[in-house]
Amino acid sequence: MRRRRRRTPASPAEIARPPRAAVIVNPIKVGDGVAFRRKVTRSLELRGFDDPLWLETREDDSGNAMAKRAIEYESDLVLVAGGDGTVRVVCAALAHTGIPVGVIPAGTGNLLARNLHIPLDLDDALERILEGRDRRIDLVSVFGDGLDKDRFAVMAGLGLDAAIISQAPPVLKAQIGWPAYLVSTARNINHPSVRVRITFDDEFTIERRVRTVVIGNVGMLQANIPLLPDARPDDGLIDVVVIAPRRVTQWPIVVWRLMTRTNRADMYLERFTGRKVSITAAVDVERQLDGDPIGPGRSLTAEIEPGALVARVPRGR
């Protein structure tokens, strides 16, 4: 477990130093970078912070090196502005450090921000984060064939959901945001089912022919769709949904059950919980972590890391 390094103060002045913040930004996701920087810097200054350390992600690094630099800086708070992929990488790198992470929504999905009740408006989000409280939440460690061990904060998936994410038109995502996924959903509605074996906590195994399996640390999708209505980011459990309509005409039943938060299990939709989940598919299928395609494969294994991340959330949440 990586621990946050503590310095030994050398003088009373050092003891009283202003709090430090690092701001990790995906410049592609933040429109007017100059205005954004001015606004964030001013908001931090008003709350007694020193000039923040600004770090931009790169095409070849979505935030890992930047998060490590924030740790070395001995940050008292890390703000991350970007899409779900940037947020995931930064949160994974800051696991078990004790450094609070505040998510500023700037992507297409903003799923962690939504599930932590952080507003999507920049001014409102900054206000709620900087005046908020620290809350320990779980992360999920994950590995699979062709995938180095990693972590996610929101959801991982195998099958249809990953195909929808990987095939969502980038131009539409940039123009209209998350509704671009609806276009991809329509294109993939006949995505083939696949035989999978799912094992929970190394004890209980099921076999199903499914359209998709989603592993969640939180449960809410865009448009407030409760994919996993009982999921909580700090309950020490992984929630799993298995979706398996056999024909296109059965999809309305699945959608109705999702929207009405029906917990009854049947052949179309089942939910499970556990601390560890292993999925093995009969053939290669698309996979995703927090909205980022990670390429096809046959396996995903996820295990909960309770309280691994300190998240800065609005008060009352």
Protein backbone atom coordinates (compact mmCIF):
# COMPACT_ATOMS: atom_id res chain seq x y z
CA MET A 1 0.00 0.00 0.00
CA ARG A 2 1.43 3.36 -0.98
CA ARG A 3 1.45 5.91 1.82
CA ARG A 4 1.52 9.63 1.56
CA ARG A 5 4.92 11.04 2.43
CA ARG A 6 4.99 13.42 5.39
CA ARG A 7 7.57 16.13 5.83
CA THR A 8 9.06 17.13 9.17
CA PRO A 9 8.43 20.87 9.52
CA ALA A 10 11.60 22.88 9.82
CA SER A 11 10.14 26.11 11.14
CA PRO A 12 6.91 27.72 12.41
CA ALA A 13 6.53 29.37 9.00
CA GLU A 14 6.54 25.97 7.31
CA ILE A 15 3.99 24.65 9.79
CA ALA A 16 1.68 27.52 8.84
CA ARG A 17 2.19 27.19 5.08
CA PRO A 18 -0.93 27.70 2.94
CA PRO A 19 -2.60 24.54 1.66
CA ARG A 20 -1.39 23.29 -1.72
CA ALA A 21 -3.54 22.21 -4.65
CA ALA A 22 -2.60 20.49 -7.88
CA VAL A 23 -4.90 20.82 -10.89
CA ILE A 24 -4.72 18.05 -13.50
CA VAL A 25 -6.37 19.07 -16.76
CA ASN A 26 -7.13 17.29 -20.00
CA PRO A 27 -6.72 20.29 -22.34
CA ILE A 28 -8.80 18.66 -25.06
CA LYS A 29 -11.83 18.50 -22.74
CA VAL A 30 -11.55 22.01 -21.32
CA GLY A 31 -12.72 24.57 -23.86
CA ASP A 32 -11.24 27.94 -22.89
CA GLY A 33 -8.14 26.88 -20.99
CA VAL A 34 -7.09 30.41 -20.06
CA ALA A 35 -10.49 31.33 -18.60
CA PHE A 36 -10.69 27.97 -16.83
CA ARG A 37 -7.28 28.44 -15.24
CA ARG A 38 -8.12 31.97 -14.12
CA LYS A 39 -11.40 30.85 -12.56
CA VAL A 40 -9.94 27.86 -10.70
CA THR A 41 -6.92 29.82 -9.47
CA ARG A 42 -9.15 32.58 -8.15
CA SER A 43 -11.47 30.13 -6.40
CA LEU A 44 -8.51 28.46 -4.68
CA GLU A 45 -6.96 31.81 -3.74
CA LEU A 46 -10.18 32.94 -2.06
CA ARG A 47 -9.96 29.87 0.16
CA GLY A 48 -6.38 30.45 1.22
CA PHE A 49 -4.60 28.08 -1.16
CA ASP A 50 -1.15 28.76 -2.53
CA ASP A 51 -0.76 29.16 -6.30
CA PRO A 52 -1.77 25.75 -7.66
CA LEU A 53 0.48 23.35 -9.53
CA TRP A 54 -0.93 23.05 -13.06
CA LEU A 55 -0.45 19.76 -14.89
CA GLU A 56 -1.79 18.90 -18.35
CA THR A 57 -2.38 15.38 -19.58
CA ARG A 58 -0.82 14.22 -22.83
CA GLU A 59 -1.91 11.97 -25.64
CA ASP A 60 0.43 9.26 -24.34
CA ASP A 61 -0.46 9.76 -20.64
CA SER A 62 -4.01 10.35 -19.44
CA GLY A 63 -2.91 11.45 -15.99
CA ASN A 64 -0.69 8.86 -14.30
CA ALA A 65 2.56 10.87 -14.34
CA MET A 66 0.65 14.02 -13.44
CA ALA A 67 -0.92 12.36 -10.40
CA LYS A 68 2.51 11.16 -9.26
CA ARG A 69 3.81 14.70 -9.63
CA ALA A 70 0.91 15.92 -7.48
CA ILE A 71 1.90 13.39 -4.80
CA GLU A 72 5.52 14.57 -4.89
CA TYR A 73 4.27 18.15 -4.54
CA GLU A 74 2.62 17.06 -1.27
CA SER A 75 -0.74 18.37 -2.42
CA ASP A 76 -3.50 18.87 0.10
CA LEU A 77 -6.08 18.65 -2.69
CA VAL A 78 -6.00 17.44 -6.30
CA LEU A 79 -8.57 18.78 -8.75
CA VAL A 80 -8.99 16.81 -11.95
CA ALA A 81 -10.80 18.20 -15.00
CA GLY A 82 -11.35 15.86 -17.91
CA GLY A 83 -13.38 12.96 -19.17
CA ASP A 84 -14.09 9.72 -17.33
CA GLY A 85 -10.84 8.24 -18.62
CA THR A 86 -8.70 11.02 -17.18
CA VAL A 87 -10.59 10.86 -13.88
CA ARG A 88 -10.10 7.10 -13.68
CA VAL A 89 -6.35 7.25 -14.28
CA VAL A 90 -5.81 10.03 -11.72
CA CYS A 91 -7.97 8.32 -9.09
CA ALA A 92 -6.16 5.02 -9.66
CA ALA A 93 -2.78 6.70 -9.13
CA LEU A 94 -3.97 8.49 -5.97
CA ALA A 95 -5.39 5.33 -4.37
CA HIS A 96 -4.32 4.83 -0.74
CA THR A 97 -2.47 8.18 -0.58
CA GLY A 98 -5.09 9.97 1.51
CA ILE A 99 -4.98 13.00 -0.79
CA PRO A 100 -8.52 14.28 -1.50
CA VAL A 101 -9.58 14.31 -5.16
CA GLY A 102 -12.14 16.77 -6.48
CA VAL A 103 -13.67 15.94 -9.86
CA ILE A 104 -14.51 18.90 -12.10
CA PRO A 105 -16.86 17.58 -14.83
CA ALA A 106 -15.44 18.25 -18.29
CA GLY A 107 -16.10 15.11 -20.33
CA THR A 108 -18.88 13.36 -22.19
CA GLY A 109 -20.14 11.07 -19.44
CA ASN A 110 -18.90 12.58 -16.17
CA LEU A 111 -20.15 9.46 -14.43
CA LEU A 112 -18.12 9.69 -11.23
CA ALA A 113 -19.10 13.33 -10.80
CA ARG A 114 -22.77 12.50 -11.38
CA ASN A 115 -22.70 9.65 -8.86
CA LEU A 116 -20.98 11.84 -6.27
CA HIS A 117 -23.66 14.54 -6.84
CA ILE A 118 -21.15 17.08 -8.17
CA PRO A 119 -22.92 19.62 -10.43
CA LEU A 120 -22.01 19.70 -14.11
CA ASP A 121 -21.80 23.51 -14.17
CA LEU A 122 -18.19 24.64 -13.62
CA ASP A 123 -18.90 27.47 -11.15
CA ASP A 124 -21.31 25.35 -9.14
CA ALA A 125 -18.94 22.36 -9.17
CA LEU A 126 -16.02 24.44 -7.90
CA GLU A 127 -18.14 25.92 -5.14
CA ARG A 128 -19.45 22.54 -3.99
CA ILE A 129 -16.03 20.86 -4.13
CA LEU A 130 -14.02 23.60 -2.40
CA GLU A 131 -16.67 24.03 0.27
CA GLY A 132 -17.30 20.30 0.46
CA ARG A 133 -16.19 17.46 2.70
CA ASP A 134 -13.89 14.48 2.30
CA ARG A 135 -15.51 11.08 1.83
CA ARG A 136 -13.73 7.75 1.52
CA ILE A 137 -14.98 5.73 -1.42
CA ASP A 138 -14.07 2.35 -2.86
CA LEU A 139 -12.06 1.66 -5.98
CA VAL A 140 -12.00 -1.60 -7.92
CA SER A 141 -8.81 -3.34 -9.02
CA VAL A 142 -9.15 -5.14 -12.35
CA PHE A 143 -7.11 -7.33 -14.66
CA GLY A 144 -7.69 -9.62 -17.63
CA ASP A 145 -6.07 -11.13 -20.68
CA GLY A 146 -4.01 -8.49 -22.46
CA LEU A 147 -4.70 -6.00 -19.65
CA ASP A 148 -2.20 -4.97 -16.98
CA LYS A 149 -3.60 -4.69 -13.48
CA ASP A 150 -5.49 -1.43 -13.20
CA ARG A 151 -8.23 0.27 -11.20
CA PHE A 152 -11.57 1.84 -11.98
CA ALA A 153 -13.95 4.05 -10.01
CA VAL A 154 -17.23 3.76 -11.92
CA MET A 155 -17.93 0.71 -14.11
CA ALA A 156 -16.29 -1.93 -16.25
CA GLY A 157 -18.09 -3.90 -18.89
CA LEU A 158 -17.83 -6.74 -21.34
CA GLY A 159 -20.02 -7.12 -24.43
CA LEU A 160 -22.65 -4.71 -25.74
CA ASP A 161 -21.91 -1.78 -23.42
CA ALA A 162 -18.23 -1.84 -24.43
CA ALA A 163 -19.18 -2.04 -28.11
CA ILE A 164 -21.45 1.00 -27.71
CA ILE A 165 -18.64 2.98 -26.08
CA SER A 166 -15.99 1.98 -28.60
CA GLN A 167 -18.20 2.79 -31.59
CA ALA A 168 -19.71 6.09 -30.44
CA PRO A 169 -18.81 8.67 -33.14
CA PRO A 170 -16.10 11.01 -31.75
CA VAL A 171 -17.44 13.96 -33.74
CA LEU A 172 -20.91 13.51 -32.27
CA LYS A 173 -19.47 13.13 -28.76
CA ALA A 174 -17.71 16.45 -29.19
CA GLN A 175 -20.83 18.13 -30.62
CA ILE A 176 -23.68 16.78 -28.49
CA GLY A 177 -22.05 14.93 -25.59
CA TRP A 178 -23.44 11.72 -24.12
CA PRO A 179 -26.46 11.43 -26.52
CA ALA A 180 -23.87 10.26 -29.08
CA TYR A 181 -23.99 6.96 -27.21
CA LEU A 182 -27.66 6.63 -28.18
CA VAL A 183 -26.60 6.65 -31.83
CA SER A 184 -24.10 3.89 -31.12
CA THR A 185 -26.73 1.95 -29.15
CA ALA A 186 -29.06 1.98 -32.15
CA ARG A 187 -26.26 0.71 -34.37
CA ASN A 188 -25.41 -2.11 -31.94
CA ILE A 189 -28.88 -3.19 -30.85
CA ASN A 190 -28.33 -6.57 -32.53
CA HIS A 191 -24.92 -7.08 -30.93
CA PRO A 192 -24.49 -10.87 -30.66
CA SER A 193 -24.84 -12.62 -27.35
CA VAL A 194 -21.94 -14.58 -25.88
CA ARG A 195 -21.63 -17.46 -23.46
CA VAL A 196 -19.94 -16.39 -20.19
CA ARG A 197 -18.97 -17.93 -16.89
CA ILE A 198 -19.16 -15.58 -13.88
CA THR A 199 -17.68 -16.47 -10.49
CA PHE A 200 -18.41 -14.48 -7.34
CA ASP A 201 -15.94 -14.45 -4.42
CA ASP A 202 -14.29 -17.64 -5.73
CA GLU A 203 -17.31 -19.55 -4.43
CA PHE A 204 -20.44 -19.21 -6.57
CA THR A 205 -20.43 -19.63 -10.37
CA ILE A 206 -23.15 -19.08 -12.96
CA GLU A 207 -23.15 -19.61 -16.72
CA ARG A 208 -25.26 -17.45 -19.01
CA ARG A 209 -25.62 -16.40 -22.64
CA VAL A 210 -25.58 -12.61 -22.38
CA ARG A 211 -25.59 -9.40 -24.37
CA THR A 212 -23.52 -7.61 -21.75
CA VAL A 213 -22.16 -7.85 -18.21
CA VAL A 214 -21.43 -4.64 -16.28
CA ILE A 215 -19.44 -4.47 -13.05
CA GLY A 216 -20.20 -1.33 -11.05
CA ASN A 217 -18.77 0.59 -8.12
CA VAL A 218 -21.60 3.11 -8.60
CA GLY A 219 -24.92 2.65 -10.31
CA MET A 220 -26.17 5.71 -12.18
CA LEU A 221 -25.71 6.28 -15.92
CA GLN A 222 -26.31 9.44 -17.92
CA ALA A 223 -29.90 10.72 -17.99
CA ASN A 224 -30.26 9.30 -14.45
CA ILE A 225 -30.66 5.73 -15.68
CA PRO A 226 -30.29 3.48 -12.60
CA LEU A 227 -28.36 0.58 -14.09
CA LEU A 228 -27.35 -0.65 -10.62
CA PRO A 229 -29.81 1.07 -8.27
CA ASP A 230 -28.41 -0.43 -5.07
CA ALA A 231 -24.73 0.32 -5.80
CA ARG A 232 -22.97 2.64 -3.37
CA PRO A 233 -19.40 3.89 -3.78
CA ASP A 234 -18.52 3.16 -0.16
CA ASP A 235 -20.31 -0.11 0.66
CA GLY A 236 -17.31 -2.41 0.13
CA LEU A 237 -19.15 -4.34 -2.57
CA ILE A 238 -19.10 -4.72 -6.34
CA ASP A 239 -22.49 -4.71 -8.06
CA VAL A 240 -22.97 -6.75 -11.24
CA VAL A 241 -25.76 -6.64 -13.80
CA VAL A 242 -26.23 -9.37 -16.39
CA ILE A 243 -28.38 -8.32 -19.36
CA ALA A 244 -29.54 -11.07 -21.69
CA PRO A 245 -32.52 -10.36 -23.95
CA ARG A 246 -32.66 -13.01 -26.65
CA ARG A 247 -34.42 -10.90 -29.28
CA VAL A 248 -34.63 -7.21 -30.18
CA THR A 249 -38.31 -7.20 -29.23
CA GLN A 250 -37.34 -7.98 -25.61
CA TRP A 251 -35.25 -4.83 -25.17
CA PRO A 252 -38.26 -2.67 -24.16
CA ILE A 253 -38.80 -5.03 -21.21
CA VAL A 254 -35.19 -4.55 -20.12
CA VAL A 255 -35.39 -0.76 -20.49
CA TRP A 256 -38.66 -0.64 -18.53
CA ARG A 257 -37.16 -2.65 -15.70
CA LEU A 258 -34.10 -0.41 -15.59
CA MET A 259 -36.11 2.80 -15.52
CA THR A 260 -38.52 1.54 -12.86
CA ARG A 261 -35.70 0.11 -10.69
CA THR A 262 -37.34 -3.31 -10.66
CA ASN A 263 -35.24 -5.78 -8.67
CA ARG A 264 -37.01 -8.94 -9.81
CA ALA A 265 -34.61 -11.35 -11.55
CA ASP A 266 -35.51 -13.18 -14.73
CA MET A 267 -33.85 -14.38 -17.93
CA TYR A 268 -33.53 -10.82 -19.25
CA LEU A 269 -31.86 -9.04 -16.34
CA GLU A 270 -30.14 -10.27 -13.18
CA ARG A 271 -28.16 -8.44 -10.50
CA PHE A 272 -25.54 -9.78 -8.10
CA THR A 273 -23.07 -8.45 -5.54
CA GLY A 274 -19.70 -9.61 -4.26
CA ARG A 275 -16.22 -8.52 -3.29
CA LYS A 276 -14.59 -10.25 -6.24
CA VAL A 277 -16.03 -11.05 -9.66
CA SER A 278 -14.40 -13.05 -12.44
CA ILE A 279 -15.90 -13.15 -15.94
CA THR A 280 -14.74 -15.49 -18.70
CA ALA A 281 -16.29 -15.33 -22.17
CA ALA A 282 -16.29 -18.12 -24.74
CA VAL A 283 -14.94 -15.79 -27.45
CA ASP A 284 -13.19 -12.42 -27.61
CA VAL A 285 -15.56 -9.53 -26.91
CA GLU A 286 -15.17 -5.78 -26.47
CA ARG A 287 -14.34 -4.51 -22.95
CA GLN A 288 -14.29 -1.10 -21.26
CA LEU A 289 -13.16 0.62 -18.07
CA ASP A 290 -15.00 3.78 -17.00
CA GLY A 291 -16.01 4.56 -20.57
CA ASP A 292 -12.62 3.86 -22.13
CA PRO A 293 -12.38 0.95 -24.59
CA ILE A 294 -9.55 -1.40 -23.58
CA GLY A 295 -9.74 -3.78 -26.54
CA PRO A 296 -11.32 -7.21 -26.97
CA GLY A 297 -10.56 -10.13 -24.73
CA ARG A 298 -12.13 -13.08 -22.97
CA SER A 299 -11.72 -12.24 -19.30
CA LEU A 300 -12.14 -9.57 -16.63
CA THR A 301 -11.53 -10.05 -12.92
CA ALA A 302 -12.47 -7.27 -10.51
CA GLU A 303 -11.92 -7.00 -6.76
CA ILE A 304 -13.05 -4.27 -4.39
CA GLU A 305 -10.55 -1.99 -2.64
CA PRO A 306 -12.63 -0.59 0.25
CA GLY A 307 -12.06 3.07 1.07
CA ALA A 308 -9.12 3.34 -1.31
CA LEU A 309 -9.82 6.93 -2.41
CA VAL A 310 -10.62 10.14 -0.57
CA ALA A 311 -13.10 12.06 -2.71
CA ARG A 312 -14.09 15.67 -2.14
CA VAL A 313 -17.89 15.77 -2.35
CA PRO A 314 -20.59 18.36 -1.68
CA ARG A 315 -21.62 18.70 1.95
CA GLY A 316 -24.52 16.47 2.83
CA ARG A 317 -23.35 13.78 0.39
